[in-house]
Amino acid sequence: MAAITAVSDLKPFKTMWKIRVKIISLWKQYSAAGGLTIEMVLIDSNGVKINTSVKKDLAHQFDSFLTQGSSKILLNFSLNPSYGSYRTTIHPYIIGFLWITRVKSCDDLPEALTGFEPVNYMEILDGTLSTDYLVDVIGQIVELTPIEVVSANGKETHKLTVELRNEKYDKSLYFLSYSYVMI
């Protein structure tokens, strides 16, 4: 049987990979263009994260095998470049499930392996962090606005703004606002 590959060593030149990972985030997403997909963030035992997508034609086939927090062995999948702003992970590739992809149960990876890596607020506020991928933050919610209906990409959608503060900094100076657009 093939050896387990570290997520950091994955390259798009083949599809016969075998990895052991924990599903640290899982959500279903619907779009008119892509239909229903299953999106995940996986982490290996080295703490390296990678985004994963199960497209609409395979979502039903794999849905019952994939649960957040579970550890799995994945075999035979594709790797495609991950590009653009607001990617879920810094990994340069995204895993795509194929008809030949297999999902097997395995011993659980450690509970403490969460993938949560909060960043320093100052790096966000001064613009030194890359906007190419998402980051984790910890903060106290100091304001939550009512849901607004806004136009995004020519469609009406909902916007919720959350204002956070980090207790390490002067509470009157370092506020961070985030808007979450629900599609």
Protein backbone atom coordinates (compact mmCIF):
# COMPACT_ATOMS: atom_id res chain seq x y z
CA MET A 1 0.00 0.00 0.00
CA ALA A 2 1.19 3.54 -0.79
CA ALA A 3 2.89 5.58 1.90
CA ILE A 4 1.08 8.52 3.47
CA THR A 5 2.16 11.86 2.01
CA ALA A 6 2.40 15.06 4.04
CA VAL A 7 0.03 17.80 2.85
CA SER A 8 3.02 20.11 2.35
CA ASP A 9 4.43 17.64 -0.21
CA LEU A 10 1.32 17.48 -2.43
CA LYS A 11 1.91 18.58 -6.05
CA PRO A 12 -0.50 18.54 -9.02
CA PHE A 13 1.48 16.14 -11.22
CA LYS A 14 -0.51 13.04 -10.24
CA THR A 15 -3.81 11.91 -8.69
CA MET A 16 -2.68 8.79 -6.80
CA TRP A 17 -2.02 10.48 -3.46
CA LYS A 18 -2.71 9.11 0.02
CA ILE A 19 -3.03 11.52 2.95
CA ARG A 20 -4.16 11.24 6.57
CA VAL A 21 -6.05 14.35 7.68
CA LYS A 22 -8.56 15.77 10.11
CA ILE A 23 -11.57 17.75 8.84
CA ILE A 24 -11.35 20.97 10.87
CA SER A 25 -14.05 22.87 8.98
CA LEU A 26 -16.85 21.67 6.72
CA TRP A 27 -19.68 23.56 5.06
CA LYS A 28 -22.04 23.11 2.15
CA GLN A 29 -22.22 25.84 -0.40
CA TYR A 30 -24.73 26.48 -3.15
CA SER A 31 -24.28 28.66 -6.19
CA ALA A 32 -26.29 28.87 -9.38
CA ALA A 33 -23.17 28.17 -11.44
CA GLY A 34 -21.66 25.38 -9.31
CA GLY A 35 -24.70 23.82 -7.66
CA LEU A 36 -24.28 22.24 -4.22
CA THR A 37 -20.67 21.61 -3.18
CA ILE A 38 -19.05 20.40 0.02
CA GLU A 39 -16.17 22.62 1.09
CA MET A 40 -13.64 21.60 3.75
CA VAL A 41 -10.43 22.65 5.40
CA LEU A 42 -8.21 19.68 6.23
CA ILE A 43 -5.14 19.52 8.47
CA ASP A 44 -2.44 16.86 8.66
CA SER A 45 -0.42 15.76 11.70
CA ASN A 46 2.22 18.42 10.87
CA GLY A 47 -0.37 21.19 11.20
CA VAL A 48 -0.46 21.99 7.46
CA LYS A 49 -3.91 22.97 6.19
CA ILE A 50 -5.42 22.63 2.72
CA ASN A 51 -8.77 23.57 1.22
CA THR A 52 -10.88 20.81 -0.34
CA SER A 53 -13.91 20.87 -2.59
CA VAL A 54 -16.37 18.14 -3.53
CA LYS A 55 -18.25 19.32 -6.61
CA LYS A 56 -21.99 18.92 -7.16
CA ASP A 57 -21.86 15.67 -9.15
CA LEU A 58 -19.97 13.93 -6.30
CA ALA A 59 -21.41 15.70 -3.24
CA HIS A 60 -24.15 13.12 -2.66
CA GLN A 61 -21.68 10.22 -3.02
CA PHE A 62 -19.35 11.55 -0.29
CA ASP A 63 -21.71 13.49 2.01
CA SER A 64 -22.29 10.67 4.52
CA PHE A 65 -18.53 9.97 4.89
CA LEU A 66 -17.49 13.52 5.75
CA THR A 67 -18.06 15.09 9.18
CA GLN A 68 -16.33 18.00 10.84
CA GLY A 69 -13.84 16.86 13.47
CA SER A 70 -13.34 13.38 12.02
CA SER A 71 -10.01 11.98 10.83
CA LYS A 72 -9.81 10.33 7.42
CA ILE A 73 -7.45 8.81 4.91
CA LEU A 74 -8.05 10.26 1.44
CA LEU A 75 -6.84 8.44 -1.66
CA ASN A 76 -6.79 9.44 -5.32
CA PHE A 77 -7.76 13.07 -5.77
CA SER A 78 -6.76 15.99 -7.95
CA LEU A 79 -4.84 19.11 -7.02
CA ASN A 80 -5.58 22.42 -8.67
CA PRO A 81 -4.01 25.83 -8.10
CA SER A 82 -5.65 27.85 -5.35
CA TYR A 83 -5.62 31.47 -6.39
CA GLY A 84 -7.32 34.80 -5.78
CA SER A 85 -8.02 36.74 -2.63
CA TYR A 86 -9.64 35.31 0.50
CA ARG A 87 -8.55 31.71 0.00
CA THR A 88 -9.30 29.55 3.02
CA THR A 89 -5.68 28.40 3.47
CA ILE A 90 -2.19 29.51 2.45
CA HIS A 91 -1.57 26.19 0.66
CA PRO A 92 -0.95 26.80 -3.06
CA TYR A 93 -3.31 23.98 -4.12
CA ILE A 94 -6.87 22.87 -3.47
CA ILE A 95 -7.92 19.22 -3.34
CA GLY A 96 -10.68 18.19 -5.72
CA PHE A 97 -12.54 14.91 -5.25
CA LEU A 98 -12.76 12.59 -8.27
CA TRP A 99 -14.93 9.57 -9.09
CA ILE A 100 -11.95 7.43 -8.04
CA THR A 101 -11.43 9.24 -4.71
CA ARG A 102 -11.75 7.03 -1.64
CA VAL A 103 -12.42 8.12 1.95
CA LYS A 104 -11.44 5.74 4.74
CA SER A 105 -11.78 6.05 8.49
CA CYS A 106 -8.61 6.01 10.57
CA ASP A 107 -7.39 6.59 14.10
CA ASP A 108 -8.21 10.11 15.26
CA LEU A 109 -5.58 12.78 14.91
CA PRO A 110 -5.03 14.66 18.21
CA GLU A 111 -7.94 16.69 19.56
CA ALA A 112 -5.58 19.66 20.05
CA LEU A 113 -4.92 19.76 16.29
CA THR A 114 -7.43 22.51 15.46
CA GLY A 115 -5.59 24.58 12.88
CA PHE A 116 -6.54 27.72 14.80
CA GLU A 117 -3.71 30.25 14.50
CA PRO A 118 -4.86 33.69 15.68
CA VAL A 119 -2.96 36.65 14.24
CA ASN A 120 -1.91 39.87 15.92
CA TYR A 121 -4.41 42.70 15.43
CA MET A 122 -1.63 45.15 14.61
CA GLU A 123 -0.68 43.06 11.56
CA ILE A 124 -4.25 43.41 10.31
CA LEU A 125 -4.55 47.10 11.10
CA ASP A 126 -1.20 48.10 9.59
CA GLY A 127 -1.80 46.05 6.42
CA THR A 128 1.22 43.75 6.73
CA LEU A 129 -0.86 40.56 6.47
CA SER A 130 -1.60 39.17 3.03
CA THR A 131 -5.23 39.42 1.94
CA ASP A 132 -4.77 36.37 -0.26
CA TYR A 133 -5.98 33.99 2.44
CA LEU A 134 -8.19 34.05 5.52
CA VAL A 135 -6.77 34.47 9.02
CA ASP A 136 -8.01 33.61 12.51
CA VAL A 137 -8.79 36.32 15.05
CA ILE A 138 -9.74 36.34 18.72
CA GLY A 139 -11.56 39.34 20.09
CA GLN A 140 -14.31 40.65 22.25
CA ILE A 141 -17.43 41.66 20.33
CA VAL A 142 -18.10 45.30 21.14
CA GLU A 143 -20.66 46.05 18.45
CA LEU A 144 -22.91 44.03 16.20
CA THR A 145 -24.91 45.88 13.56
CA PRO A 146 -28.35 44.84 12.37
CA ILE A 147 -28.39 42.79 9.20
CA GLU A 148 -28.39 45.03 6.12
CA VAL A 149 -29.48 44.16 2.60
CA VAL A 150 -26.70 45.20 0.21
CA SER A 151 -25.81 44.67 -3.43
CA ALA A 152 -22.85 42.34 -4.05
CA ASN A 153 -21.90 41.32 -7.59
CA GLY A 154 -25.23 42.60 -8.86
CA LYS A 155 -27.26 40.54 -6.37
CA GLU A 156 -29.01 41.50 -3.17
CA THR A 157 -27.46 39.79 -0.15
CA HIS A 158 -27.24 40.22 3.61
CA LYS A 159 -24.43 41.93 5.49
CA LEU A 160 -23.64 41.69 9.18
CA THR A 161 -20.83 43.83 10.62
CA VAL A 162 -19.05 42.73 13.79
CA GLU A 163 -16.66 45.05 15.62
CA LEU A 164 -14.02 43.30 17.71
CA ARG A 165 -11.32 44.46 20.08
CA ASN A 166 -8.26 42.70 21.33
CA GLU A 167 -7.71 43.06 25.08
CA LYS A 168 -3.93 43.35 24.63
CA TYR A 169 -4.27 46.84 23.16
CA ASP A 170 -5.70 50.17 24.28
CA LYS A 171 -9.42 49.52 24.09
CA SER A 172 -10.16 52.97 22.68
CA LEU A 173 -7.68 52.71 19.80
CA TYR A 174 -7.60 49.23 18.33
CA PHE A 175 -10.92 48.18 16.92
CA LEU A 176 -11.34 45.89 14.01
CA SER A 177 -14.50 45.72 11.91
CA TYR A 178 -15.48 42.74 9.79
CA SER A 179 -18.34 42.40 7.41
CA TYR A 180 -19.72 38.99 6.62
CA VAL A 181 -21.78 38.72 3.47
CA MET A 182 -24.23 35.84 3.50
CA ILE A 183 -24.87 34.47 0.01
